[in-house]
């Protein structure tokens, strides 16, 4: 690596690092040489600190880029008012394909779940099956994606219990039966008091 390049080191989030106001501080110390099999530090890092602001840990937004796909979904920016850089779509023909959003919950409790639907109504399904997997069960909610979008829409009418860690998720399946395309964009988890 050229001495002028920056090396990105991926450090897993440990909730014990929290100091307050949702600011995490990680102190790095070390010397030149190999640290482990994943990366090596080329310069001395004496007392260097990385400050990361994770924002509101009671309001978690996962975009489609943060989701896990069970198979290929297509990206698009054709319709306006999508969240982030694009959205995903999939034909209802063929075998089932899923998009799964899995939040990292640091504050366990009850969360309302929302999804972002871009504008545009042509050829969309009226029964997109979103499944919320929460502590103690799961529920599937069929969503009409032909309605005007460009806003957060609540899934269901209540809140769902989520434990700490990555134990819950929201899944969207391509198995809808009324329409041609299922749309997947962002999902939001909002903790309720």
C-alpha atoms as a PDB file:
ATOM      1  CA  UNK A   1       0.000   0.000   0.000  1.00  0.00           C
ATOM      2  CA  UNK A   2       1.272   3.471  -0.867  1.00  0.00           C
ATOM      3  CA  UNK A   3       2.212   5.557   2.201  1.00  0.00           C
ATOM      4  CA  UNK A   4      -0.245   8.260   1.085  1.00  0.00           C
ATOM      5  CA  UNK A   5      -3.248   5.906   1.033  1.00  0.00           C
ATOM      6  CA  UNK A   6      -5.663   5.513   3.932  1.00  0.00           C
ATOM      7  CA  UNK A   7      -6.470   2.033   5.162  1.00  0.00           C
ATOM      8  CA  UNK A   8     -10.024   1.332   6.276  1.00  0.00           C
ATOM      9  CA  UNK A   9     -10.308  -0.902   9.323  1.00  0.00           C
ATOM     10  CA  UNK A  10     -13.714  -2.435  10.075  1.00  0.00           C
ATOM     11  CA  UNK A  11     -14.179  -2.635  13.856  1.00  0.00           C
ATOM     12  CA  UNK A  12     -17.296  -4.494  15.082  1.00  0.00           C
ATOM     13  CA  UNK A  13     -19.607  -2.367  17.213  1.00  0.00           C
ATOM     14  CA  UNK A  14     -19.447  -3.211  20.908  1.00  0.00           C
ATOM     15  CA  UNK A  15     -22.254  -1.500  22.871  1.00  0.00           C
ATOM     16  CA  UNK A  16     -19.966  -1.328  25.945  1.00  0.00           C
ATOM     17  CA  UNK A  17     -18.086   1.491  24.192  1.00  0.00           C
ATOM     18  CA  UNK A  18     -20.976   3.926  24.645  1.00  0.00           C
ATOM     19  CA  UNK A  19     -20.137   7.053  26.614  1.00  0.00           C
ATOM     20  CA  UNK A  20     -23.337   9.058  26.378  1.00  0.00           C
ATOM     21  CA  UNK A  21     -25.351  11.027  23.858  1.00  0.00           C
ATOM     22  CA  UNK A  22     -24.948   8.041  21.511  1.00  0.00           C
ATOM     23  CA  UNK A  23     -21.253   8.799  20.959  1.00  0.00           C
ATOM     24  CA  UNK A  24     -18.911   5.796  20.815  1.00  0.00           C
ATOM     25  CA  UNK A  25     -15.207   6.283  21.384  1.00  0.00           C
ATOM     26  CA  UNK A  26     -12.636   3.663  20.417  1.00  0.00           C
ATOM     27  CA  UNK A  27      -8.980   4.275  21.317  1.00  0.00           C
ATOM     28  CA  UNK A  28      -6.442   2.619  19.030  1.00  0.00           C
ATOM     29  CA  UNK A  29      -2.912   1.926  20.227  1.00  0.00           C
ATOM     30  CA  UNK A  30      -0.289  -0.171  18.563  1.00  0.00           C
ATOM     31  CA  UNK A  31       2.888  -0.227  16.565  1.00  0.00           C
ATOM     32  CA  UNK A  32       3.889  -1.025  13.027  1.00  0.00           C
ATOM     33  CA  UNK A  33       3.658  -4.573  11.851  1.00  0.00           C
ATOM     34  CA  UNK A  34       1.063  -7.252  11.398  1.00  0.00           C
ATOM     35  CA  UNK A  35      -1.858  -7.126  13.826  1.00  0.00           C
ATOM     36  CA  UNK A  36      -3.839 -10.124  12.608  1.00  0.00           C
ATOM     37  CA  UNK A  37      -4.726 -11.952   9.419  1.00  0.00           C
ATOM     38  CA  UNK A  38      -7.294  -9.343   8.350  1.00  0.00           C
ATOM     39  CA  UNK A  39      -5.200  -6.190   8.204  1.00  0.00           C
ATOM     40  CA  UNK A  40      -1.822  -4.766   9.122  1.00  0.00           C
ATOM     41  CA  UNK A  41      -1.009  -1.369  10.556  1.00  0.00           C
ATOM     42  CA  UNK A  42       1.721   0.350   8.598  1.00  0.00           C
ATOM     43  CA  UNK A  43       2.184   3.340  10.932  1.00  0.00           C
ATOM     44  CA  UNK A  44       2.334   3.785  14.684  1.00  0.00           C
ATOM     45  CA  UNK A  45      -1.066   4.657  16.149  1.00  0.00           C
ATOM     46  CA  UNK A  46      -0.154   5.949  19.601  1.00  0.00           C
ATOM     47  CA  UNK A  47      -3.279   7.245  21.312  1.00  0.00           C
ATOM     48  CA  UNK A  48      -5.215   7.796  18.076  1.00  0.00           C
ATOM     49  CA  UNK A  49      -8.982   7.999  18.577  1.00  0.00           C
ATOM     50  CA  UNK A  50     -11.941   7.439  16.293  1.00  0.00           C
ATOM     51  CA  UNK A  51     -15.202   9.145  17.254  1.00  0.00           C
ATOM     52  CA  UNK A  52     -18.346   7.761  15.617  1.00  0.00           C
ATOM     53  CA  UNK A  53     -21.819   9.230  16.106  1.00  0.00           C
ATOM     54  CA  UNK A  54     -24.441   6.541  15.537  1.00  0.00           C
ATOM     55  CA  UNK A  55     -27.314   9.007  15.818  1.00  0.00           C
ATOM     56  CA  UNK A  56     -30.561   8.138  17.527  1.00  0.00           C
ATOM     57  CA  UNK A  57     -30.394   4.477  18.551  1.00  0.00           C
ATOM     58  CA  UNK A  58     -34.173   4.502  19.051  1.00  0.00           C
ATOM     59  CA  UNK A  59     -34.814   5.339  15.382  1.00  0.00           C
ATOM     60  CA  UNK A  60     -33.007   2.901  13.093  1.00  0.00           C
ATOM     61  CA  UNK A  61     -33.242   3.179   9.295  1.00  0.00           C
ATOM     62  CA  UNK A  62     -31.965   0.405   7.040  1.00  0.00           C
ATOM     63  CA  UNK A  63     -31.938   1.154   3.315  1.00  0.00           C
ATOM     64  CA  UNK A  64     -32.150  -1.524   0.626  1.00  0.00           C
ATOM     65  CA  UNK A  65     -28.325  -1.464   0.408  1.00  0.00           C
ATOM     66  CA  UNK A  66     -28.262  -2.632   4.047  1.00  0.00           C
ATOM     67  CA  UNK A  67     -30.555  -5.599   3.382  1.00  0.00           C
ATOM     68  CA  UNK A  68     -29.731  -9.218   2.614  1.00  0.00           C
ATOM     69  CA  UNK A  69     -31.090 -10.567  -0.682  1.00  0.00           C
ATOM     70  CA  UNK A  70     -31.981 -14.224  -1.152  1.00  0.00           C
ATOM     71  CA  UNK A  71     -31.485 -13.794  -4.890  1.00  0.00           C
ATOM     72  CA  UNK A  72     -30.989 -11.061  -7.441  1.00  0.00           C
ATOM     73  CA  UNK A  73     -33.285  -8.040  -7.273  1.00  0.00           C
ATOM     74  CA  UNK A  74     -32.961  -5.210  -9.779  1.00  0.00           C
ATOM     75  CA  UNK A  75     -32.107  -1.641  -8.758  1.00  0.00           C
ATOM     76  CA  UNK A  76     -33.858   1.400 -10.173  1.00  0.00           C
ATOM     77  CA  UNK A  77     -34.104   5.164  -9.888  1.00  0.00           C
ATOM     78  CA  UNK A  78     -36.933   5.458 -12.424  1.00  0.00           C
ATOM     79  CA  UNK A  79     -39.688   6.447 -10.008  1.00  0.00           C
ATOM     80  CA  UNK A  80     -39.193   9.613  -7.896  1.00  0.00           C
ATOM     81  CA  UNK A  81     -38.970  10.020  -4.137  1.00  0.00           C
ATOM     82  CA  UNK A  82     -37.024   6.869  -3.314  1.00  0.00           C
ATOM     83  CA  UNK A  83     -34.945   6.664  -0.140  1.00  0.00           C
ATOM     84  CA  UNK A  84     -31.164   6.888  -0.523  1.00  0.00           C
ATOM     85  CA  UNK A  85     -29.584   6.161  -3.909  1.00  0.00           C
ATOM     86  CA  UNK A  86     -32.129   3.744  -5.422  1.00  0.00           C
ATOM     87  CA  UNK A  87     -34.725   1.085  -4.693  1.00  0.00           C
ATOM     88  CA  UNK A  88     -35.144  -2.589  -5.571  1.00  0.00           C
ATOM     89  CA  UNK A  89     -37.849  -4.319  -7.560  1.00  0.00           C
ATOM     90  CA  UNK A  90     -38.663  -7.891  -8.463  1.00  0.00           C
ATOM     91  CA  UNK A  91     -41.198  -9.580 -10.698  1.00  0.00           C
ATOM     92  CA  UNK A  92     -43.785 -11.750  -8.977  1.00  0.00           C
ATOM     93  CA  UNK A  93     -43.157 -14.481 -11.593  1.00  0.00           C
ATOM     94  CA  UNK A  94     -40.974 -17.435 -10.694  1.00  0.00           C
ATOM     95  CA  UNK A  95     -39.728 -18.732  -7.372  1.00  0.00           C
ATOM     96  CA  UNK A  96     -39.882 -16.776  -4.141  1.00  0.00           C
ATOM     97  CA  UNK A  97     -37.159 -14.151  -3.595  1.00  0.00           C
ATOM     98  CA  UNK A  98     -36.714 -12.220  -0.340  1.00  0.00           C
ATOM     99  CA  UNK A  99     -35.235  -8.987   0.932  1.00  0.00           C
ATOM    100  CA  UNK A 100     -34.371  -9.091   4.649  1.00  0.00           C
ATOM    101  CA  UNK A 101     -33.611  -6.050   6.839  1.00  0.00           C
ATOM    102  CA  UNK A 102     -31.961  -7.038  10.156  1.00  0.00           C
ATOM    103  CA  UNK A 103     -31.419  -4.201  12.649  1.00  0.00           C
ATOM    104  CA  UNK A 104     -28.771  -4.168  15.366  1.00  0.00           C
ATOM    105  CA  UNK A 105     -30.857  -3.323  18.437  1.00  0.00           C
ATOM    106  CA  UNK A 106     -28.952  -1.721  21.325  1.00  0.00           C
ATOM    107  CA  UNK A 107     -32.046  -0.530  23.220  1.00  0.00           C
ATOM    108  CA  UNK A 108     -34.447  -3.478  23.576  1.00  0.00           C
ATOM    109  CA  UNK A 109     -38.146  -2.733  23.703  1.00  0.00           C
ATOM    110  CA  UNK A 110     -41.199  -2.174  21.539  1.00  0.00           C
ATOM    111  CA  UNK A 111     -40.665  -0.781  18.050  1.00  0.00           C
ATOM    112  CA  UNK A 112     -43.080   0.449  15.414  1.00  0.00           C
ATOM    113  CA  UNK A 113     -42.038  -0.616  11.917  1.00  0.00           C
ATOM    114  CA  UNK A 114     -42.297   1.589   8.815  1.00  0.00           C
ATOM    115  CA  UNK A 115     -41.298   1.114   5.191  1.00  0.00           C
ATOM    116  CA  UNK A 116     -40.484   3.697   2.511  1.00  0.00           C
ATOM    117  CA  UNK A 117     -42.378   3.418  -0.748  1.00  0.00           C
ATOM    118  CA  UNK A 118     -41.140   5.441  -3.742  1.00  0.00           C
ATOM    119  CA  UNK A 119     -43.740   7.216  -5.868  1.00  0.00           C
ATOM    120  CA  UNK A 120     -45.131   5.464  -8.923  1.00  0.00           C
ATOM    121  CA  UNK A 121     -47.980   3.003  -9.124  1.00  0.00           C
ATOM    122  CA  UNK A 122     -47.824   1.230 -12.477  1.00  0.00           C
ATOM    123  CA  UNK A 123     -47.640  -2.571 -12.405  1.00  0.00           C
ATOM    124  CA  UNK A 124     -47.079  -2.738  -8.641  1.00  0.00           C
ATOM    125  CA  UNK A 125     -48.665  -5.304  -6.349  1.00  0.00           C
ATOM    126  CA  UNK A 126     -51.554  -4.620  -4.011  1.00  0.00           C
ATOM    127  CA  UNK A 127     -50.487  -7.358  -1.571  1.00  0.00           C
ATOM    128  CA  UNK A 128     -46.712  -7.100  -0.950  1.00  0.00           C
ATOM    129  CA  UNK A 129     -46.092  -9.536   1.940  1.00  0.00           C
ATOM    130  CA  UNK A 130     -43.913  -7.982   4.666  1.00  0.00           C
ATOM    131  CA  UNK A 131     -43.136 -10.336   7.560  1.00  0.00           C
ATOM    132  CA  UNK A 132     -42.032  -8.842  10.881  1.00  0.00           C
ATOM    133  CA  UNK A 133     -39.984 -11.324  12.940  1.00  0.00           C
ATOM    134  CA  UNK A 134     -39.927 -10.072  16.523  1.00  0.00           C
ATOM    135  CA  UNK A 135     -39.293 -11.507  19.981  1.00  0.00           C
ATOM    136  CA  UNK A 136     -42.069 -14.007  20.549  1.00  0.00           C
ATOM    137  CA  UNK A 137     -43.392 -14.456  17.051  1.00  0.00           C
ATOM    138  CA  UNK A 138     -43.925 -13.134  13.563  1.00  0.00           C
ATOM    139  CA  UNK A 139     -46.701 -11.469  11.630  1.00  0.00           C
ATOM    140  CA  UNK A 140     -47.193 -10.983   7.884  1.00  0.00           C
ATOM    141  CA  UNK A 141     -48.800  -7.780   6.662  1.00  0.00           C
ATOM    142  CA  UNK A 142     -49.913  -7.382   3.037  1.00  0.00           C
ATOM    143  CA  UNK A 143     -49.244  -3.883   1.732  1.00  0.00           C
ATOM    144  CA  UNK A 144     -50.803  -2.081  -1.222  1.00  0.00           C
ATOM    145  CA  UNK A 145     -47.853  -0.653  -3.190  1.00  0.00           C
ATOM    146  CA  UNK A 146     -50.068   1.079  -5.767  1.00  0.00           C
ATOM    147  CA  UNK A 147     -50.815   3.963  -3.380  1.00  0.00           C
ATOM    148  CA  UNK A 148     -48.897   7.266  -3.699  1.00  0.00           C
ATOM    149  CA  UNK A 149     -45.448   7.001  -2.111  1.00  0.00           C
ATOM    150  CA  UNK A 150     -42.581   9.237  -1.119  1.00  0.00           C
ATOM    151  CA  UNK A 151     -43.249   8.809   2.613  1.00  0.00           C
ATOM    152  CA  UNK A 152     -42.950   6.444   5.567  1.00  0.00           C
ATOM    153  CA  UNK A 153     -45.860   4.000   5.880  1.00  0.00           C
ATOM    154  CA  UNK A 154     -46.420   2.017   9.074  1.00  0.00           C
ATOM    155  CA  UNK A 155     -46.504  -1.781   8.864  1.00  0.00           C
ATOM    156  CA  UNK A 156     -49.382  -2.930  11.043  1.00  0.00           C
ATOM    157  CA  UNK A 157     -50.986  -0.827  13.737  1.00  0.00           C
ATOM    158  CA  UNK A 158     -48.887  -1.532  16.820  1.00  0.00           C
ATOM    159  CA  UNK A 159     -45.393  -2.036  18.155  1.00  0.00           C
ATOM    160  CA  UNK A 160     -43.346  -5.235  18.231  1.00  0.00           C
ATOM    161  CA  UNK A 161     -40.864  -6.397  20.888  1.00  0.00           C
ATOM    162  CA  UNK A 162     -37.212  -6.561  19.799  1.00  0.00           C
ATOM    163  CA  UNK A 163     -34.405  -7.922  21.997  1.00  0.00           C
ATOM    164  CA  UNK A 164     -30.829  -6.629  22.022  1.00  0.00           C
ATOM    165  CA  UNK A 165     -28.657  -7.750  19.144  1.00  0.00           C
ATOM    166  CA  UNK A 166     -29.674  -9.012  15.723  1.00  0.00           C
ATOM    167  CA  UNK A 167     -32.524 -11.364  16.628  1.00  0.00           C
ATOM    168  CA  UNK A 168     -35.388  -9.732  14.716  1.00  0.00           C
ATOM    169  CA  UNK A 169     -35.933  -8.750  11.102  1.00  0.00           C
ATOM    170  CA  UNK A 170     -38.356  -7.566   8.447  1.00  0.00           C
ATOM    171  CA  UNK A 171     -38.710  -9.680   5.297  1.00  0.00           C
ATOM    172  CA  UNK A 172     -40.341  -8.825   1.993  1.00  0.00           C
ATOM    173  CA  UNK A 173     -41.232 -11.671  -0.348  1.00  0.00           C
ATOM    174  CA  UNK A 174     -41.761 -11.542  -4.108  1.00  0.00           C
ATOM    175  CA  UNK A 175     -44.700 -13.981  -3.842  1.00  0.00           C
ATOM    176  CA  UNK A 176     -47.455 -11.361  -4.109  1.00  0.00           C
ATOM    177  CA  UNK A 177     -50.342 -12.391  -6.352  1.00  0.00           C
ATOM    178  CA  UNK A 178     -52.061  -9.123  -7.352  1.00  0.00           C
ATOM    179  CA  UNK A 179     -49.772  -7.179  -9.690  1.00  0.00           C
ATOM    180  CA  UNK A 180     -46.459  -7.573 -11.492  1.00  0.00           C
ATOM    181  CA  UNK A 181     -43.711  -5.987  -9.350  1.00  0.00           C
ATOM    182  CA  UNK A 182     -42.759  -5.880  -5.665  1.00  0.00           C
ATOM    183  CA  UNK A 183     -40.841  -2.776  -4.511  1.00  0.00           C
ATOM    184  CA  UNK A 184     -38.227  -2.805  -1.722  1.00  0.00           C
ATOM    185  CA  UNK A 185     -36.608   0.344  -0.336  1.00  0.00           C
ATOM    186  CA  UNK A 186     -35.896   1.390   3.264  1.00  0.00           C
ATOM    187  CA  UNK A 187     -37.309   0.070   6.545  1.00  0.00           C
ATOM    188  CA  UNK A 188     -37.446   2.036   9.784  1.00  0.00           C
ATOM    189  CA  UNK A 189     -37.574   0.798  13.400  1.00  0.00           C
ATOM    190  CA  UNK A 190     -38.865   3.437  15.867  1.00  0.00           C
ATOM    191  CA  UNK A 191     -38.829   2.661  19.594  1.00  0.00           C
ATOM    192  CA  UNK A 192     -41.967   3.630  21.471  1.00  0.00           C
ATOM    193  CA  UNK A 193     -41.967   4.718  25.137  1.00  0.00           C
END
